[in-house]
Structures are given as structure tokens and as C-alpha cells.
N, C-alpha and C. Protein backbone atom coordinates (compact mmCIF):
# COMPACT_ATOMS: atom_id res chain seq x y z
N UNK A 1 10.87 -0.10 2.31
CA UNK A 1 10.91 -1.46 2.80
C UNK A 1 10.24 -2.36 1.78
N UNK A 2 10.83 -3.48 1.55
CA UNK A 2 10.27 -4.44 0.61
C UNK A 2 9.78 -5.66 1.38
N UNK A 3 8.49 -5.87 1.37
CA UNK A 3 7.86 -7.01 2.04
C UNK A 3 8.29 -7.11 3.51
N UNK A 4 8.07 -6.07 4.31
CA UNK A 4 8.59 -6.06 5.68
C UNK A 4 7.98 -7.10 6.61
N UNK A 5 6.79 -7.60 6.28
CA UNK A 5 6.15 -8.59 7.17
C UNK A 5 6.31 -10.02 6.65
N UNK A 6 7.06 -10.21 5.59
CA UNK A 6 7.13 -11.49 4.90
C UNK A 6 7.51 -12.68 5.79
N UNK A 7 8.50 -12.54 6.63
CA UNK A 7 8.99 -13.68 7.41
C UNK A 7 8.76 -13.49 8.91
N UNK A 8 7.75 -12.70 9.27
CA UNK A 8 7.49 -12.45 10.68
C UNK A 8 6.32 -13.29 11.17
N UNK A 9 6.36 -13.64 12.45
CA UNK A 9 5.21 -14.31 13.04
C UNK A 9 4.14 -13.27 13.36
N UNK A 10 2.95 -13.71 13.74
CA UNK A 10 1.84 -12.80 13.95
C UNK A 10 2.13 -11.74 15.00
N UNK A 11 2.76 -12.12 16.09
CA UNK A 11 3.08 -11.16 17.15
C UNK A 11 4.05 -10.08 16.64
N UNK A 12 5.03 -10.48 15.88
CA UNK A 12 5.99 -9.53 15.32
C UNK A 12 5.34 -8.61 14.29
N UNK A 13 4.41 -9.15 13.50
CA UNK A 13 3.69 -8.33 12.52
C UNK A 13 2.87 -7.27 13.23
N UNK A 14 2.19 -7.65 14.29
CA UNK A 14 1.38 -6.70 15.05
C UNK A 14 2.26 -5.60 15.65
N UNK A 15 3.38 -5.98 16.20
CA UNK A 15 4.30 -5.01 16.78
C UNK A 15 4.85 -4.06 15.71
N UNK A 16 5.26 -4.62 14.59
CA UNK A 16 5.78 -3.81 13.49
C UNK A 16 4.69 -2.86 12.96
N UNK A 17 3.48 -3.38 12.85
CA UNK A 17 2.34 -2.61 12.38
C UNK A 17 2.12 -1.39 13.28
N UNK A 18 2.11 -1.58 14.57
CA UNK A 18 1.94 -0.48 15.53
C UNK A 18 3.08 0.53 15.41
N UNK A 19 4.29 0.02 15.29
CA UNK A 19 5.45 0.91 15.17
C UNK A 19 5.38 1.75 13.90
N UNK A 20 5.02 1.12 12.79
CA UNK A 20 4.94 1.85 11.52
C UNK A 20 3.82 2.88 11.57
N UNK A 21 2.71 2.54 12.20
CA UNK A 21 1.58 3.47 12.31
C UNK A 21 1.95 4.68 13.16
N UNK A 22 2.72 4.46 14.22
CA UNK A 22 3.09 5.54 15.13
C UNK A 22 4.34 6.30 14.71
N UNK A 23 5.04 5.83 13.70
CA UNK A 23 6.26 6.48 13.24
C UNK A 23 5.93 7.87 12.69
N UNK A 24 6.61 8.92 13.17
CA UNK A 24 6.25 10.28 12.76
C UNK A 24 6.73 10.67 11.36
N UNK A 25 7.60 9.90 10.77
CA UNK A 25 8.15 10.24 9.46
C UNK A 25 7.45 9.52 8.33
N UNK A 26 8.12 9.45 7.20
CA UNK A 26 7.60 8.78 6.01
C UNK A 26 8.23 7.42 5.86
N UNK A 27 7.46 6.47 5.37
CA UNK A 27 7.95 5.14 5.07
C UNK A 27 7.49 4.78 3.67
N UNK A 28 8.41 4.35 2.85
CA UNK A 28 8.06 3.84 1.53
C UNK A 28 8.18 2.33 1.61
N UNK A 29 7.09 1.62 1.25
CA UNK A 29 7.11 0.17 1.37
C UNK A 29 6.32 -0.47 0.26
N UNK A 30 6.62 -1.73 0.04
CA UNK A 30 5.83 -2.56 -0.86
C UNK A 30 5.50 -3.83 -0.10
N UNK A 31 4.30 -4.33 -0.32
CA UNK A 31 3.88 -5.52 0.43
C UNK A 31 2.74 -6.21 -0.28
N UNK A 32 2.66 -7.52 -0.14
CA UNK A 32 1.51 -8.29 -0.61
C UNK A 32 0.53 -8.53 0.53
N UNK A 33 0.84 -8.03 1.71
CA UNK A 33 -0.01 -8.22 2.89
C UNK A 33 -1.09 -7.14 2.89
N UNK A 34 -2.27 -7.51 2.43
CA UNK A 34 -3.37 -6.55 2.28
C UNK A 34 -3.72 -5.90 3.62
N UNK A 35 -3.82 -6.68 4.67
CA UNK A 35 -4.18 -6.14 5.98
C UNK A 35 -3.15 -5.14 6.45
N UNK A 36 -1.89 -5.44 6.27
CA UNK A 36 -0.82 -4.52 6.66
C UNK A 36 -0.95 -3.21 5.89
N UNK A 37 -1.15 -3.32 4.59
CA UNK A 37 -1.27 -2.11 3.77
C UNK A 37 -2.48 -1.28 4.18
N UNK A 38 -3.60 -1.93 4.45
CA UNK A 38 -4.80 -1.22 4.84
C UNK A 38 -4.61 -0.51 6.18
N UNK A 39 -3.88 -1.13 7.07
CA UNK A 39 -3.69 -0.57 8.40
C UNK A 39 -2.66 0.56 8.42
N UNK A 40 -1.60 0.43 7.65
CA UNK A 40 -0.46 1.35 7.74
C UNK A 40 -0.51 2.47 6.69
N UNK A 41 -0.88 2.16 5.47
CA UNK A 41 -0.77 3.13 4.38
C UNK A 41 -1.83 4.22 4.47
N UNK A 42 -1.41 5.46 4.28
CA UNK A 42 -2.35 6.57 4.16
C UNK A 42 -2.14 7.32 2.84
N UNK A 43 -1.24 6.80 2.03
CA UNK A 43 -1.02 7.32 0.68
C UNK A 43 -0.54 6.16 -0.18
N UNK A 44 -1.10 6.05 -1.38
CA UNK A 44 -0.73 4.97 -2.29
C UNK A 44 -0.18 5.58 -3.56
N UNK A 45 1.02 5.15 -3.93
CA UNK A 45 1.62 5.55 -5.20
C UNK A 45 1.87 4.26 -5.97
N UNK A 46 1.15 4.10 -7.06
CA UNK A 46 1.30 2.91 -7.89
C UNK A 46 2.09 3.29 -9.13
N UNK A 47 3.17 2.58 -9.38
CA UNK A 47 3.99 2.83 -10.56
C UNK A 47 3.48 1.92 -11.67
N UNK A 48 3.05 2.52 -12.78
CA UNK A 48 2.49 1.77 -13.90
C UNK A 48 3.42 1.91 -15.10
N UNK A 49 3.18 1.14 -16.15
CA UNK A 49 4.01 1.27 -17.36
C UNK A 49 3.97 2.66 -17.99
N UNK A 50 2.89 3.43 -17.73
CA UNK A 50 2.76 4.74 -18.38
C UNK A 50 2.81 5.90 -17.40
N UNK A 51 3.27 5.68 -16.20
CA UNK A 51 3.33 6.76 -15.22
C UNK A 51 2.89 6.28 -13.85
N UNK A 52 2.55 7.22 -13.00
CA UNK A 52 2.16 6.86 -11.65
C UNK A 52 0.72 7.28 -11.35
N UNK A 53 0.12 6.54 -10.43
CA UNK A 53 -1.17 6.92 -9.84
C UNK A 53 -0.85 7.24 -8.40
N UNK A 54 -1.17 8.43 -7.96
CA UNK A 54 -0.81 8.90 -6.62
C UNK A 54 -2.07 9.39 -5.92
N UNK A 55 -2.44 8.74 -4.82
CA UNK A 55 -3.63 9.13 -4.07
C UNK A 55 -3.34 9.14 -2.57
N UNK A 56 -3.83 10.17 -1.89
CA UNK A 56 -3.76 10.21 -0.43
C UNK A 56 -5.06 9.60 0.07
N UNK A 57 -4.99 8.34 0.44
CA UNK A 57 -6.16 7.56 0.84
C UNK A 57 -5.70 6.26 1.48
N UNK A 58 -6.60 5.54 2.11
CA UNK A 58 -6.23 4.22 2.62
C UNK A 58 -6.28 3.22 1.46
N UNK A 59 -5.73 2.04 1.69
CA UNK A 59 -5.52 1.07 0.62
C UNK A 59 -6.84 0.57 0.02
N UNK A 60 -7.83 0.22 0.85
CA UNK A 60 -9.10 -0.28 0.32
C UNK A 60 -9.83 0.78 -0.49
N UNK A 61 -9.81 2.02 -0.03
CA UNK A 61 -10.46 3.10 -0.78
C UNK A 61 -9.76 3.31 -2.11
N UNK A 62 -8.44 3.17 -2.12
CA UNK A 62 -7.68 3.28 -3.37
C UNK A 62 -8.13 2.22 -4.36
N UNK A 63 -8.21 0.98 -3.91
CA UNK A 63 -8.57 -0.11 -4.81
C UNK A 63 -10.00 0.00 -5.33
N UNK A 64 -10.90 0.57 -4.53
CA UNK A 64 -12.30 0.65 -4.94
C UNK A 64 -12.66 1.95 -5.65
N UNK A 65 -11.71 2.89 -5.78
CA UNK A 65 -11.95 4.16 -6.43
C UNK A 65 -12.18 3.95 -7.92
N UNK A 66 -13.34 4.38 -8.46
CA UNK A 66 -13.64 4.17 -9.88
C UNK A 66 -12.60 4.77 -10.83
N UNK A 67 -12.08 5.94 -10.51
CA UNK A 67 -11.07 6.57 -11.36
C UNK A 67 -9.79 5.74 -11.38
N UNK A 68 -9.39 5.25 -10.22
CA UNK A 68 -8.20 4.41 -10.14
C UNK A 68 -8.42 3.11 -10.90
N UNK A 69 -9.61 2.52 -10.77
CA UNK A 69 -9.91 1.28 -11.50
C UNK A 69 -9.82 1.52 -13.01
N UNK A 70 -10.33 2.66 -13.48
CA UNK A 70 -10.26 2.99 -14.91
C UNK A 70 -8.81 3.13 -15.36
N UNK A 71 -7.99 3.84 -14.56
CA UNK A 71 -6.58 4.02 -14.92
C UNK A 71 -5.85 2.69 -14.94
N UNK A 72 -6.14 1.83 -13.94
CA UNK A 72 -5.46 0.53 -13.89
C UNK A 72 -5.85 -0.33 -15.08
N UNK A 73 -7.11 -0.29 -15.47
CA UNK A 73 -7.56 -1.04 -16.65
C UNK A 73 -6.85 -0.54 -17.90
N UNK A 74 -6.72 0.78 -18.00
CA UNK A 74 -6.03 1.38 -19.15
C UNK A 74 -4.58 0.93 -19.20
N UNK A 75 -3.88 0.98 -18.06
CA UNK A 75 -2.47 0.66 -18.02
C UNK A 75 -2.18 -0.83 -18.19
N UNK A 76 -3.05 -1.66 -17.64
CA UNK A 76 -2.73 -3.08 -17.60
C UNK A 76 -3.50 -3.92 -18.62
N UNK A 77 -4.35 -3.31 -19.43
CA UNK A 77 -5.11 -4.09 -20.41
C UNK A 77 -4.37 -4.26 -21.73
N UNK A 78 -3.20 -3.66 -21.82
CA UNK A 78 -2.42 -3.72 -23.07
C UNK A 78 -1.67 -5.00 -23.19
């Protein structure tokens, strides 16, 4: 899904959020909605110019992970 909450009102976002959290399968999504990502994501795969960073973690822990920060600096400082 690409930006699934982009044009939804708050009530619809909450409903979608609950549905995605309770969905028993896998969902691949991209979003700029930090709260949505923190609530729904339990694995983050970031595609970089030199490969991927793949972590099984919530979104905030991913962003604050020192190893991930080092890799992101390496990939994006060029």
C-alpha cells in the first residue's frame, strides 16, 4: 500500500489502523504518517542506494537504533 492514510479523515484512519494491526497476514506499505507507522509496523525494510536495511522492530526503535543511524548516514551522506 502506498500512503494508505493520505486522504482519510481521523475516524477512517483509526479504523484502518485497527484493521491493519489485526490483519493476520503481511502488509507491505509506505507512509509519511509517523503515528500510523509506529502503531502498525513491526518490521522495517528501508531500501537505500546501496542495499537494504531490514529490522524486526517498531518504527521508533528503528529510527533511534545507533547501527541503523550509522548505516543511514553512510548511505545518504554521499
